[in-house]
Amino acid sequence: MSERIIAVLVSLIASGGYVAVVALMAIQSACIPIPSELIMPFAGAALAHDQMDLIVLATLASLASNLGSVPAYWVGARGGRPMVERYGSWLLLSRRDLDRVDHFFARYGSITVLVGRMLPIVRTFIAFPAGVAKMNQVRFHIYTFVGSWPWCYALAYIGMTLGDKFRTDPRFKAAFDRFHLGVELALAAGLVWFVVSHWKNRIKTEAV
């Protein structure tokens, strides 16, 4: 993670307080990958001094996650299958993938969003497929809040407990870097598998 990005996040939270936290968490829920694993610990270190502060932070951040998810959800819901069927080939997406998404959300939709909101990276992008699958919007927002709250609370608690050490102690930075690298490697491996397998299927389809 770039030191410059970290410095910008710290500065924004220090100067903007709760407003900055709400804005940043809304942005990262709109498919813009600003790590909540950085936002909330820094927010906890800068703004939380007791249990009530943590509750306020977690609640505001969860509401912001809902707010930021609205554009991504509606792009998926309004464009839906026709949009993905028309442009999905550029992303190696097929109708079979859409059928899988529809089936998965029909069977596990609420749990998918609930769990996804507690996972790094996944929580940033979960709104779009939920929209494509036409998941009930009220249910989507309820599960977004319920799934986001413990995640945001835990990260803010870590920040409050560690204080400035979270930013200044090299051990914590090294641990965070290893954690984030592991997540990114897993995501990259999944992306490579997706591209290779779908490209082979695309070639077979074109040959037929």
N, C-alpha and C. Protein backbone atom coordinates (compact mmCIF):
# COMPACT_ATOMS: atom_id res chain seq x y z
N MET A 1 0.84 -1.19 0.00
CA MET A 1 0.00 0.00 0.00
C MET A 1 0.88 1.24 0.00
N SER A 2 0.58 2.17 -0.89
CA SER A 2 1.39 3.36 -1.03
C SER A 2 1.36 4.20 0.24
N GLU A 3 2.56 4.64 0.67
CA GLU A 3 2.65 5.50 1.83
C GLU A 3 1.89 6.80 1.60
N ARG A 4 1.88 7.25 0.35
CA ARG A 4 1.19 8.50 0.03
C ARG A 4 -0.32 8.35 0.24
N ILE A 5 -0.86 7.19 -0.18
CA ILE A 5 -2.30 6.95 0.01
C ILE A 5 -2.64 6.91 1.48
N ILE A 6 -1.80 6.23 2.26
CA ILE A 6 -2.03 6.16 3.70
C ILE A 6 -2.00 7.54 4.32
N ALA A 7 -1.02 8.36 3.92
CA ALA A 7 -0.90 9.72 4.45
C ALA A 7 -2.13 10.55 4.11
N VAL A 8 -2.66 10.37 2.89
CA VAL A 8 -3.86 11.11 2.48
C VAL A 8 -5.06 10.69 3.31
N LEU A 9 -5.22 9.38 3.52
CA LEU A 9 -6.34 8.88 4.32
C LEU A 9 -6.28 9.40 5.75
N VAL A 10 -5.10 9.34 6.33
CA VAL A 10 -4.92 9.82 7.71
C VAL A 10 -5.25 11.30 7.78
N SER A 11 -4.78 12.07 6.82
CA SER A 11 -5.02 13.51 6.82
C SER A 11 -6.51 13.83 6.66
N LEU A 12 -7.18 13.11 5.76
CA LEU A 12 -8.61 13.35 5.54
C LEU A 12 -9.42 13.05 6.80
N ILE A 13 -9.11 11.93 7.44
CA ILE A 13 -9.87 11.54 8.64
C ILE A 13 -9.58 12.50 9.78
N ALA A 14 -8.33 12.90 9.92
CA ALA A 14 -7.96 13.81 11.01
C ALA A 14 -8.63 15.17 10.85
N SER A 15 -8.74 15.65 9.61
CA SER A 15 -9.30 16.98 9.38
C SER A 15 -10.82 16.95 9.19
N GLY A 16 -11.33 15.85 8.59
CA GLY A 16 -12.75 15.80 8.27
C GLY A 16 -13.61 15.07 9.27
N GLY A 17 -13.00 14.31 10.17
CA GLY A 17 -13.75 13.61 11.20
C GLY A 17 -14.78 12.64 10.64
N TYR A 18 -15.96 12.64 11.26
CA TYR A 18 -17.00 11.70 10.85
C TYR A 18 -17.43 11.90 9.40
N VAL A 19 -17.44 13.14 8.94
CA VAL A 19 -17.84 13.42 7.56
C VAL A 19 -16.90 12.71 6.58
N ALA A 20 -15.61 12.76 6.87
CA ALA A 20 -14.62 12.11 6.01
C ALA A 20 -14.81 10.60 6.03
N VAL A 21 -15.09 10.04 7.20
CA VAL A 21 -15.30 8.59 7.31
C VAL A 21 -16.50 8.17 6.47
N VAL A 22 -17.60 8.92 6.59
CA VAL A 22 -18.80 8.60 5.81
C VAL A 22 -18.51 8.68 4.32
N ALA A 23 -17.83 9.74 3.90
CA ALA A 23 -17.53 9.91 2.48
C ALA A 23 -16.63 8.79 1.96
N LEU A 24 -15.59 8.45 2.71
CA LEU A 24 -14.66 7.42 2.27
C LEU A 24 -15.32 6.04 2.21
N MET A 25 -16.14 5.72 3.22
CA MET A 25 -16.80 4.42 3.23
C MET A 25 -17.87 4.33 2.14
N ALA A 26 -18.51 5.44 1.82
CA ALA A 26 -19.48 5.44 0.73
C ALA A 26 -18.77 5.22 -0.61
N ILE A 27 -17.64 5.89 -0.79
CA ILE A 27 -16.88 5.74 -2.03
C ILE A 27 -16.40 4.31 -2.22
N GLN A 28 -15.88 3.70 -1.14
CA GLN A 28 -15.34 2.34 -1.29
C GLN A 28 -16.44 1.31 -1.49
N SER A 29 -17.70 1.65 -1.20
CA SER A 29 -18.80 0.73 -1.47
C SER A 29 -19.37 0.92 -2.87
N ALA A 30 -18.86 1.91 -3.59
CA ALA A 30 -19.34 2.19 -4.95
C ALA A 30 -18.37 1.60 -5.97
N CYS A 31 -17.80 0.43 -5.65
CA CYS A 31 -16.87 -0.28 -6.54
C CYS A 31 -15.57 0.49 -6.77
N ILE A 32 -15.20 1.34 -5.83
CA ILE A 32 -13.91 2.04 -5.88
C ILE A 32 -13.08 1.50 -4.72
N PRO A 33 -12.03 0.74 -5.02
CA PRO A 33 -11.34 -0.04 -3.98
C PRO A 33 -10.43 0.77 -3.06
N ILE A 34 -11.04 1.57 -2.18
CA ILE A 34 -10.30 2.19 -1.08
C ILE A 34 -10.47 1.25 0.11
N PRO A 35 -9.42 0.66 0.65
CA PRO A 35 -9.59 -0.40 1.65
C PRO A 35 -10.24 0.09 2.95
N SER A 36 -11.35 -0.52 3.31
CA SER A 36 -11.95 -0.22 4.61
C SER A 36 -11.04 -0.69 5.73
N GLU A 37 -10.12 -1.65 5.41
CA GLU A 37 -9.17 -2.12 6.41
C GLU A 37 -8.18 -1.03 6.81
N LEU A 38 -8.13 0.04 6.05
CA LEU A 38 -7.33 1.20 6.43
C LEU A 38 -8.20 2.31 6.99
N ILE A 39 -9.33 2.56 6.35
CA ILE A 39 -10.21 3.67 6.76
C ILE A 39 -10.64 3.53 8.20
N MET A 40 -11.19 2.38 8.56
CA MET A 40 -11.80 2.24 9.88
C MET A 40 -10.79 2.18 11.03
N PRO A 41 -9.64 1.49 10.89
CA PRO A 41 -8.67 1.57 11.98
C PRO A 41 -8.14 2.99 12.20
N PHE A 42 -7.87 3.70 11.12
CA PHE A 42 -7.43 5.09 11.27
C PHE A 42 -8.52 5.94 11.91
N ALA A 43 -9.78 5.67 11.53
CA ALA A 43 -10.89 6.39 12.14
C ALA A 43 -10.99 6.08 13.63
N GLY A 44 -10.81 4.80 13.97
CA GLY A 44 -10.85 4.42 15.38
C GLY A 44 -9.74 5.07 16.18
N ALA A 45 -8.55 5.13 15.59
CA ALA A 45 -7.41 5.74 16.28
C ALA A 45 -7.60 7.23 16.47
N ALA A 46 -8.21 7.89 15.48
CA ALA A 46 -8.33 9.34 15.53
C ALA A 46 -9.58 9.83 16.24
N LEU A 47 -10.68 9.05 16.18
CA LEU A 47 -11.96 9.58 16.62
C LEU A 47 -12.59 8.83 17.79
N ALA A 48 -12.16 7.60 18.05
CA ALA A 48 -12.81 6.81 19.08
C ALA A 48 -12.04 6.86 20.40
N HIS A 49 -12.77 7.14 21.48
CA HIS A 49 -12.17 7.20 22.81
C HIS A 49 -12.89 6.28 23.80
N ASP A 50 -14.08 5.83 23.42
CA ASP A 50 -14.83 4.93 24.30
C ASP A 50 -15.80 4.09 23.47
N GLN A 51 -16.58 3.28 24.17
CA GLN A 51 -17.49 2.35 23.51
C GLN A 51 -18.52 3.09 22.63
N MET A 52 -19.04 4.19 23.13
CA MET A 52 -20.04 4.93 22.37
C MET A 52 -19.47 5.47 21.07
N ASP A 53 -18.24 5.93 21.09
CA ASP A 53 -17.60 6.41 19.87
C ASP A 53 -17.49 5.29 18.84
N LEU A 54 -17.16 4.08 19.30
CA LEU A 54 -17.07 2.94 18.40
C LEU A 54 -18.42 2.61 17.77
N ILE A 55 -19.47 2.66 18.58
CA ILE A 55 -20.82 2.38 18.07
C ILE A 55 -21.22 3.41 17.02
N VAL A 56 -20.93 4.68 17.31
CA VAL A 56 -21.26 5.75 16.35
C VAL A 56 -20.48 5.55 15.05
N LEU A 57 -19.19 5.26 15.15
CA LEU A 57 -18.37 5.05 13.96
C LEU A 57 -18.89 3.87 13.12
N ALA A 58 -19.15 2.75 13.79
CA ALA A 58 -19.61 1.56 13.07
C ALA A 58 -20.96 1.82 12.40
N THR A 59 -21.83 2.53 13.09
CA THR A 59 -23.16 2.81 12.54
C THR A 59 -23.08 3.75 11.35
N LEU A 60 -22.32 4.82 11.47
CA LEU A 60 -22.17 5.76 10.36
C LEU A 60 -21.49 5.09 9.16
N ALA A 61 -20.47 4.29 9.42
CA ALA A 61 -19.77 3.62 8.33
C ALA A 61 -20.67 2.61 7.63
N SER A 62 -21.53 1.93 8.38
CA SER A 62 -22.45 0.96 7.78
C SER A 62 -23.53 1.65 6.96
N LEU A 63 -24.02 2.78 7.45
CA LEU A 63 -24.98 3.56 6.67
C LEU A 63 -24.33 4.09 5.40
N ALA A 64 -23.06 4.50 5.51
CA ALA A 64 -22.34 4.99 4.35
C ALA A 64 -22.13 3.88 3.33
N SER A 65 -21.91 2.66 3.81
CA SER A 65 -21.77 1.52 2.90
C SER A 65 -23.05 1.31 2.09
N ASN A 66 -24.19 1.51 2.75
CA ASN A 66 -25.47 1.44 2.05
C ASN A 66 -25.59 2.55 1.01
N LEU A 67 -25.23 3.75 1.42
CA LEU A 67 -25.34 4.90 0.51
C LEU A 67 -24.47 4.71 -0.73
N GLY A 68 -23.23 4.28 -0.52
CA GLY A 68 -22.33 4.09 -1.64
C GLY A 68 -22.72 2.94 -2.55
N SER A 69 -23.47 1.99 -2.02
CA SER A 69 -23.86 0.83 -2.81
C SER A 69 -24.99 1.13 -3.80
N VAL A 70 -25.72 2.21 -3.55
CA VAL A 70 -26.90 2.50 -4.37
C VAL A 70 -26.57 2.62 -5.87
N PRO A 71 -25.56 3.43 -6.26
CA PRO A 71 -25.27 3.54 -7.71
C PRO A 71 -24.89 2.20 -8.34
N ALA A 72 -24.01 1.44 -7.67
CA ALA A 72 -23.58 0.15 -8.23
C ALA A 72 -24.75 -0.82 -8.32
N TYR A 73 -25.60 -0.83 -7.29
CA TYR A 73 -26.77 -1.72 -7.31
C TYR A 73 -27.69 -1.36 -8.47
N TRP A 74 -27.96 -0.07 -8.66
CA TRP A 74 -28.91 0.34 -9.69
C TRP A 74 -28.34 0.21 -11.10
N VAL A 75 -27.04 0.36 -11.25
CA VAL A 75 -26.43 0.09 -12.57
C VAL A 75 -26.66 -1.37 -12.94
N GLY A 76 -26.44 -2.26 -11.97
CA GLY A 76 -26.68 -3.67 -12.21
C GLY A 76 -28.15 -3.98 -12.41
N ALA A 77 -29.02 -3.36 -11.60
CA ALA A 77 -30.45 -3.65 -11.67
C ALA A 77 -31.09 -3.09 -12.93
N ARG A 78 -30.73 -1.86 -13.31
CA ARG A 78 -31.32 -1.23 -14.49
C ARG A 78 -30.75 -1.81 -15.77
N GLY A 79 -29.43 -2.02 -15.80
CA GLY A 79 -28.84 -2.62 -16.99
C GLY A 79 -29.14 -4.10 -17.07
N GLY A 80 -29.01 -4.76 -15.93
CA GLY A 80 -29.35 -6.16 -15.81
C GLY A 80 -28.70 -7.07 -16.83
N ARG A 81 -29.38 -8.14 -17.14
CA ARG A 81 -28.86 -9.13 -18.08
C ARG A 81 -28.60 -8.54 -19.47
N PRO A 82 -29.51 -7.71 -20.00
CA PRO A 82 -29.24 -7.17 -21.35
C PRO A 82 -27.91 -6.44 -21.45
N MET A 83 -27.59 -5.65 -20.41
CA MET A 83 -26.33 -4.90 -20.44
C MET A 83 -25.13 -5.84 -20.40
N VAL A 84 -25.19 -6.83 -19.50
CA VAL A 84 -24.07 -7.76 -19.38
C VAL A 84 -23.98 -8.65 -20.61
N GLU A 85 -25.13 -9.06 -21.18
CA GLU A 85 -25.11 -9.87 -22.39
C GLU A 85 -24.54 -9.10 -23.58
N ARG A 86 -24.76 -7.79 -23.58
CA ARG A 86 -24.27 -6.97 -24.70
C ARG A 86 -22.79 -6.66 -24.57
N TYR A 87 -22.36 -6.33 -23.34
CA TYR A 87 -20.97 -5.90 -23.15
C TYR A 87 -20.13 -6.91 -22.37
N GLY A 88 -20.78 -7.95 -21.87
CA GLY A 88 -20.08 -8.90 -21.00
C GLY A 88 -18.94 -9.64 -21.68
N SER A 89 -19.02 -9.82 -22.99
CA SER A 89 -17.96 -10.54 -23.69
C SER A 89 -16.62 -9.84 -23.57
N TRP A 90 -16.67 -8.52 -23.40
CA TRP A 90 -15.41 -7.78 -23.22
C TRP A 90 -14.75 -8.14 -21.91
N LEU A 91 -15.57 -8.61 -20.96
CA LEU A 91 -15.06 -9.03 -19.65
C LEU A 91 -15.06 -10.55 -19.51
N LEU A 92 -15.25 -11.23 -20.65
CA LEU A 92 -15.29 -12.70 -20.68
C LEU A 92 -16.44 -13.27 -19.88
N LEU A 93 -17.55 -12.52 -19.82
CA LEU A 93 -18.74 -12.99 -19.14
C LEU A 93 -19.70 -13.57 -20.15
N SER A 94 -20.30 -14.70 -19.83
CA SER A 94 -21.22 -15.37 -20.73
C SER A 94 -22.61 -15.46 -20.10
N ARG A 95 -23.58 -15.89 -20.90
CA ARG A 95 -24.92 -16.08 -20.36
C ARG A 95 -24.92 -17.16 -19.27
N ARG A 96 -24.04 -18.13 -19.45
CA ARG A 96 -23.93 -19.19 -18.43
C ARG A 96 -23.52 -18.59 -17.09
N ASP A 97 -22.60 -17.61 -17.12
CA ASP A 97 -22.19 -16.94 -15.88
C ASP A 97 -23.36 -16.20 -15.26
N LEU A 98 -24.15 -15.55 -16.10
CA LEU A 98 -25.33 -14.83 -15.60
C LEU A 98 -26.32 -15.79 -14.96
N ASP A 99 -26.51 -16.94 -15.61
CA ASP A 99 -27.42 -17.94 -15.04
C ASP A 99 -26.93 -18.40 -13.66
N ARG A 100 -25.61 -18.56 -13.55
CA ARG A 100 -25.04 -18.97 -12.26
C ARG A 100 -25.26 -17.90 -11.20
N VAL A 101 -25.06 -16.63 -11.59
CA VAL A 101 -25.27 -15.53 -10.64
C VAL A 101 -26.73 -15.50 -10.20
N ASP A 102 -27.64 -15.60 -11.17
CA ASP A 102 -29.07 -15.59 -10.82
C ASP A 102 -29.42 -16.74 -9.88
N HIS A 103 -28.91 -17.93 -10.21
CA HIS A 103 -29.20 -19.10 -9.38
C HIS A 103 -28.61 -18.95 -7.99
N PHE A 104 -27.36 -18.44 -7.93
CA PHE A 104 -26.69 -18.32 -6.64
C PHE A 104 -27.41 -17.33 -5.75
N PHE A 105 -27.78 -16.17 -6.32
CA PHE A 105 -28.47 -15.16 -5.51
C PHE A 105 -29.89 -15.60 -5.17
N ALA A 106 -30.52 -16.36 -6.07
CA ALA A 106 -31.86 -16.85 -5.76
C ALA A 106 -31.82 -17.80 -4.57
N ARG A 107 -30.73 -18.55 -4.46
CA ARG A 107 -30.63 -19.54 -3.39
C ARG A 107 -29.96 -19.00 -2.14
N TYR A 108 -28.90 -18.20 -2.33
CA TYR A 108 -28.12 -17.74 -1.18
C TYR A 108 -28.01 -16.21 -1.10
N GLY A 109 -28.83 -15.49 -1.85
CA GLY A 109 -28.66 -14.05 -2.02
C GLY A 109 -28.38 -13.26 -0.75
N SER A 110 -29.24 -13.37 0.23
CA SER A 110 -29.09 -12.59 1.45
C SER A 110 -27.80 -12.94 2.18
N ILE A 111 -27.49 -14.22 2.27
CA ILE A 111 -26.28 -14.66 2.94
C ILE A 111 -25.04 -14.21 2.17
N THR A 112 -25.14 -14.20 0.83
CA THR A 112 -24.02 -13.74 0.01
C THR A 112 -23.64 -12.32 0.35
N VAL A 113 -24.62 -11.45 0.44
CA VAL A 113 -24.35 -10.05 0.77
C VAL A 113 -23.88 -9.92 2.21
N LEU A 114 -24.51 -10.65 3.11
CA LEU A 114 -24.14 -10.58 4.53
C LEU A 114 -22.68 -10.96 4.73
N VAL A 115 -22.27 -12.09 4.15
CA VAL A 115 -20.88 -12.56 4.29
C VAL A 115 -19.94 -11.68 3.48
N GLY A 116 -20.37 -11.30 2.27
CA GLY A 116 -19.52 -10.48 1.41
C GLY A 116 -19.14 -9.16 2.04
N ARG A 117 -20.00 -8.59 2.85
CA ARG A 117 -19.71 -7.32 3.51
C ARG A 117 -18.66 -7.45 4.60
N MET A 118 -18.33 -8.67 4.96
CA MET A 118 -17.31 -8.89 5.97
C MET A 118 -15.98 -9.34 5.37
N LEU A 119 -15.89 -9.32 4.03
CA LEU A 119 -14.68 -9.79 3.36
C LEU A 119 -13.98 -8.63 2.66
N PRO A 120 -12.65 -8.55 2.81
CA PRO A 120 -11.90 -7.51 2.09
C PRO A 120 -12.11 -7.64 0.59
N ILE A 121 -12.12 -6.53 -0.10
CA ILE A 121 -12.24 -6.45 -1.56
C ILE A 121 -13.63 -6.87 -2.03
N VAL A 122 -14.09 -8.07 -1.62
CA VAL A 122 -15.41 -8.54 -2.04
C VAL A 122 -16.49 -7.53 -1.66
N ARG A 123 -16.39 -6.95 -0.44
CA ARG A 123 -17.42 -6.03 0.04
C ARG A 123 -17.52 -4.80 -0.85
N THR A 124 -16.45 -4.45 -1.55
CA THR A 124 -16.46 -3.27 -2.41
C THR A 124 -17.31 -3.48 -3.65
N PHE A 125 -17.38 -4.73 -4.14
CA PHE A 125 -18.01 -4.99 -5.44
C PHE A 125 -19.32 -5.76 -5.36
N ILE A 126 -19.76 -6.14 -4.17
CA ILE A 126 -20.90 -7.04 -4.06
C ILE A 126 -22.21 -6.42 -4.54
N ALA A 127 -22.32 -5.08 -4.53
CA ALA A 127 -23.59 -4.43 -4.88
C ALA A 127 -23.97 -4.65 -6.33
N PHE A 128 -22.99 -4.64 -7.23
CA PHE A 128 -23.31 -4.77 -8.66
C PHE A 128 -23.95 -6.12 -9.00
N PRO A 129 -23.32 -7.26 -8.62
CA PRO A 129 -23.99 -8.53 -8.93
C PRO A 129 -25.32 -8.70 -8.21
N ALA A 130 -25.45 -8.09 -7.03
CA ALA A 130 -26.74 -8.14 -6.34
C ALA A 130 -27.81 -7.42 -7.16
N GLY A 131 -27.42 -6.31 -7.79
CA GLY A 131 -28.36 -5.59 -8.65
C GLY A 131 -28.70 -6.37 -9.90
N VAL A 132 -27.68 -6.97 -10.53
CA VAL A 132 -27.92 -7.78 -11.73
C VAL A 132 -28.88 -8.92 -11.42
N ALA A 133 -28.72 -9.52 -10.25
CA ALA A 133 -29.57 -10.64 -9.85
C ALA A 133 -30.95 -10.19 -9.37
N LYS A 134 -31.18 -8.87 -9.37
CA LYS A 134 -32.47 -8.30 -8.94
C LYS A 134 -32.83 -8.71 -7.50
N MET A 135 -31.82 -8.77 -6.65
CA MET A 135 -32.09 -9.04 -5.24
C MET A 135 -32.97 -7.92 -4.69
N ASN A 136 -33.94 -8.29 -3.87
CA ASN A 136 -34.83 -7.30 -3.26
C ASN A 136 -34.00 -6.19 -2.62
N GLN A 137 -34.28 -4.92 -3.01
CA GLN A 137 -33.40 -3.83 -2.59
C GLN A 137 -33.47 -3.58 -1.09
N VAL A 138 -34.66 -3.66 -0.51
CA VAL A 138 -34.78 -3.46 0.94
C VAL A 138 -33.96 -4.50 1.68
N ARG A 139 -34.09 -5.76 1.25
CA ARG A 139 -33.33 -6.83 1.88
C ARG A 139 -31.83 -6.61 1.67
N PHE A 140 -31.47 -6.17 0.46
CA PHE A 140 -30.06 -5.90 0.18
C PHE A 140 -29.50 -4.87 1.15
N HIS A 141 -30.22 -3.79 1.39
CA HIS A 141 -29.72 -2.74 2.28
C HIS A 141 -29.69 -3.19 3.74
N ILE A 142 -30.66 -3.99 4.13
CA ILE A 142 -30.66 -4.51 5.51
C ILE A 142 -29.44 -5.39 5.74
N TYR A 143 -29.19 -6.31 4.80
CA TYR A 143 -28.06 -7.21 4.96
C TYR A 143 -26.73 -6.49 4.78
N THR A 144 -26.71 -5.46 3.97
CA THR A 144 -25.50 -4.64 3.85
C THR A 144 -25.17 -3.99 5.19
N PHE A 145 -26.19 -3.46 5.85
CA PHE A 145 -25.96 -2.82 7.15
C PHE A 145 -25.54 -3.85 8.19
N VAL A 146 -26.28 -4.96 8.25
CA VAL A 146 -26.00 -5.99 9.26
C VAL A 146 -24.61 -6.59 9.05
N GLY A 147 -24.23 -6.81 7.79
CA GLY A 147 -22.92 -7.37 7.52
C GLY A 147 -21.78 -6.39 7.71
N SER A 148 -22.05 -5.11 7.43
CA SER A 148 -21.01 -4.09 7.54
C SER A 148 -20.72 -3.71 8.99
N TRP A 149 -21.73 -3.72 9.84
CA TRP A 149 -21.57 -3.17 11.18
C TRP A 149 -20.48 -3.87 12.00
N PRO A 150 -20.53 -5.20 12.13
CA PRO A 150 -19.46 -5.84 12.93
C PRO A 150 -18.08 -5.67 12.31
N TRP A 151 -17.99 -5.67 10.98
CA TRP A 151 -16.72 -5.47 10.30
C TRP A 151 -16.16 -4.09 10.63
N CYS A 152 -16.99 -3.07 10.51
CA CYS A 152 -16.55 -1.69 10.78
C CYS A 152 -16.22 -1.50 12.26
N TYR A 153 -17.04 -2.10 13.12
CA TYR A 153 -16.80 -1.98 14.57
C TYR A 153 -15.45 -2.61 14.93
N ALA A 154 -15.20 -3.84 14.42
CA ALA A 154 -13.96 -4.54 14.76
C ALA A 154 -12.73 -3.76 14.29
N LEU A 155 -12.79 -3.22 13.09
CA LEU A 155 -11.65 -2.46 12.58
C LEU A 155 -11.44 -1.17 13.37
N ALA A 156 -12.53 -0.50 13.71
CA ALA A 156 -12.41 0.73 14.51
C ALA A 156 -11.88 0.41 15.90
N TYR A 157 -12.31 -0.72 16.46
CA TYR A 157 -11.82 -1.13 17.78
C TYR A 157 -10.32 -1.37 17.75
N ILE A 158 -9.84 -2.04 16.69
CA ILE A 158 -8.41 -2.26 16.54
C ILE A 158 -7.67 -0.92 16.51
N GLY A 159 -8.20 0.01 15.74
CA GLY A 159 -7.57 1.33 15.66
C GLY A 159 -7.56 2.05 16.99
N MET A 160 -8.68 2.01 17.71
CA MET A 160 -8.75 2.68 19.01
C MET A 160 -7.79 2.05 20.00
N THR A 161 -7.71 0.72 19.99
CA THR A 161 -6.85 0.00 20.93
C THR A 161 -5.37 0.26 20.67
N LEU A 162 -5.00 0.24 19.40
CA LEU A 162 -3.60 0.42 19.04
C LEU A 162 -3.19 1.89 18.98
N GLY A 163 -4.15 2.76 18.71
CA GLY A 163 -3.83 4.19 18.63
C GLY A 163 -2.83 4.48 17.52
N ASP A 164 -1.89 5.34 17.80
CA ASP A 164 -0.90 5.73 16.79
C ASP A 164 0.00 4.57 16.37
N LYS A 165 0.07 3.52 17.20
CA LYS A 165 0.93 2.39 16.86
C LYS A 165 0.50 1.74 15.54
N PHE A 166 -0.81 1.80 15.25
CA PHE A 166 -1.29 1.19 14.02
C PHE A 166 -0.62 1.81 12.80
N ARG A 167 -0.32 3.11 12.92
CA ARG A 167 0.29 3.81 11.79
C ARG A 167 1.80 3.89 11.89
N THR A 168 2.33 3.95 13.12
CA THR A 168 3.76 4.22 13.28
C THR A 168 4.60 2.98 13.58
N ASP A 169 4.02 1.96 14.21
CA ASP A 169 4.78 0.76 14.56
C ASP A 169 5.00 -0.09 13.31
N PRO A 170 6.22 -0.32 12.89
CA PRO A 170 6.49 -1.08 11.66
C PRO A 170 5.98 -2.51 11.71
N ARG A 171 5.84 -3.07 12.91
CA ARG A 171 5.35 -4.44 13.01
C ARG A 171 3.90 -4.54 12.53
N PHE A 172 3.08 -3.57 12.92
CA PHE A 172 1.68 -3.59 12.50
C PHE A 172 1.56 -3.35 11.00
N LYS A 173 2.39 -2.45 10.50
CA LYS A 173 2.38 -2.18 9.06
C LYS A 173 2.79 -3.42 8.28
N ALA A 174 3.82 -4.12 8.77
CA ALA A 174 4.28 -5.34 8.10
C ALA A 174 3.19 -6.41 8.13
N ALA A 175 2.50 -6.55 9.27
CA ALA A 175 1.44 -7.54 9.39
C ALA A 175 0.29 -7.21 8.44
N PHE A 176 -0.06 -5.93 8.38
CA PHE A 176 -1.14 -5.53 7.48
C PHE A 176 -0.76 -5.77 6.03
N ASP A 177 0.48 -5.44 5.68
CA ASP A 177 0.94 -5.63 4.31
C ASP A 177 0.88 -7.11 3.92
N ARG A 178 1.27 -8.01 4.85
CA ARG A 178 1.23 -9.44 4.55
C ARG A 178 -0.21 -9.90 4.37
N PHE A 179 -1.09 -9.41 5.23
CA PHE A 179 -2.50 -9.77 5.13
C PHE A 179 -3.07 -9.32 3.79
N HIS A 180 -2.83 -8.06 3.45
CA HIS A 180 -3.40 -7.53 2.21
C HIS A 180 -2.78 -8.22 1.00
N LEU A 181 -1.49 -8.55 1.07
CA LEU A 181 -0.84 -9.24 -0.03
C LEU A 181 -1.47 -10.61 -0.24
N GLY A 182 -1.76 -11.31 0.86
CA GLY A 182 -2.39 -12.62 0.76
C GLY A 182 -3.75 -12.53 0.08
N VAL A 183 -4.54 -11.53 0.48
CA VAL A 183 -5.86 -11.33 -0.14
C VAL A 183 -5.71 -11.04 -1.63
N GLU A 184 -4.77 -10.15 -1.96
CA GLU A 184 -4.57 -9.77 -3.35
C GLU A 184 -4.08 -10.94 -4.20
N LEU A 185 -3.20 -11.78 -3.64
CA LEU A 185 -2.71 -12.95 -4.37
C LEU A 185 -3.84 -13.95 -4.63
N ALA A 186 -4.69 -14.14 -3.62
CA ALA A 186 -5.83 -15.04 -3.79
C ALA A 186 -6.77 -14.51 -4.87
N LEU A 187 -7.00 -13.19 -4.83
CA LEU A 187 -7.86 -12.58 -5.84
C LEU A 187 -7.24 -12.70 -7.23
N ALA A 188 -5.92 -12.47 -7.32
CA ALA A 188 -5.23 -12.56 -8.61
C ALA A 188 -5.29 -13.98 -9.16
N ALA A 189 -5.10 -14.97 -8.28
CA ALA A 189 -5.17 -16.37 -8.71
C ALA A 189 -6.56 -16.71 -9.24
N GLY A 190 -7.58 -16.22 -8.53
CA GLY A 190 -8.95 -16.44 -9.00
C GLY A 190 -9.21 -15.76 -10.33
N LEU A 191 -8.67 -14.55 -10.50
CA LEU A 191 -8.86 -13.82 -11.75
C LEU A 191 -8.17 -14.54 -12.91
N VAL A 192 -6.95 -15.04 -12.67
CA VAL A 192 -6.23 -15.78 -13.72
C VAL A 192 -7.00 -17.03 -14.12
N TRP A 193 -7.50 -17.76 -13.12
CA TRP A 193 -8.29 -18.96 -13.41
C TRP A 193 -9.52 -18.60 -14.22
N PHE A 194 -10.19 -17.51 -13.84
CA PHE A 194 -11.41 -17.08 -14.54
C PHE A 194 -11.10 -16.76 -16.00
N VAL A 195 -10.04 -15.97 -16.23
CA VAL A 195 -9.69 -15.56 -17.59
C VAL A 195 -9.32 -16.76 -18.44
N VAL A 196 -8.45 -17.63 -17.91
CA VAL A 196 -7.99 -18.80 -18.68
C VAL A 196 -9.15 -19.72 -19.03
N SER A 197 -9.98 -20.05 -18.05
CA SER A 197 -11.08 -20.99 -18.29
C SER A 197 -12.12 -20.40 -19.23
N HIS A 198 -12.44 -19.10 -19.06
CA HIS A 198 -13.45 -18.49 -19.91
C HIS A 198 -12.92 -18.22 -21.31
N TRP A 199 -11.63 -17.94 -21.43
CA TRP A 199 -11.06 -17.73 -22.75
C TRP A 199 -11.08 -19.02 -23.56
N LYS A 200 -10.79 -20.14 -22.90
CA LYS A 200 -10.85 -21.44 -23.58
C LYS A 200 -12.28 -21.73 -24.03
N ASN A 201 -13.25 -21.45 -23.16
CA ASN A 201 -14.64 -21.68 -23.52
C ASN A 201 -15.08 -20.79 -24.67
N ARG A 202 -14.56 -19.54 -24.68
CA ARG A 202 -14.90 -18.61 -25.75
C ARG A 202 -14.36 -19.09 -27.08
N ILE A 203 -13.12 -19.60 -27.07
CA ILE A 203 -12.51 -20.11 -28.29
C ILE A 203 -13.31 -21.32 -28.82
N LYS A 204 -13.70 -22.21 -27.92
CA LYS A 204 -14.49 -23.37 -28.32
C LYS A 204 -15.82 -22.96 -28.92
N THR A 205 -16.45 -21.95 -28.30
CA THR A 205 -17.76 -21.47 -28.79
C THR A 205 -17.62 -20.87 -30.17
N GLU A 206 -16.57 -20.05 -30.38
CA GLU A 206 -16.35 -19.42 -31.67
C GLU A 206 -16.04 -20.45 -32.75
N ALA A 207 -15.33 -21.52 -32.34
CA ALA A 207 -14.98 -22.57 -33.30
C ALA A 207 -16.22 -23.31 -33.80
N VAL A 208 -17.17 -23.48 -32.88
CA VAL A 208 -18.43 -24.15 -33.24
C VAL A 208 -19.28 -23.26 -34.13
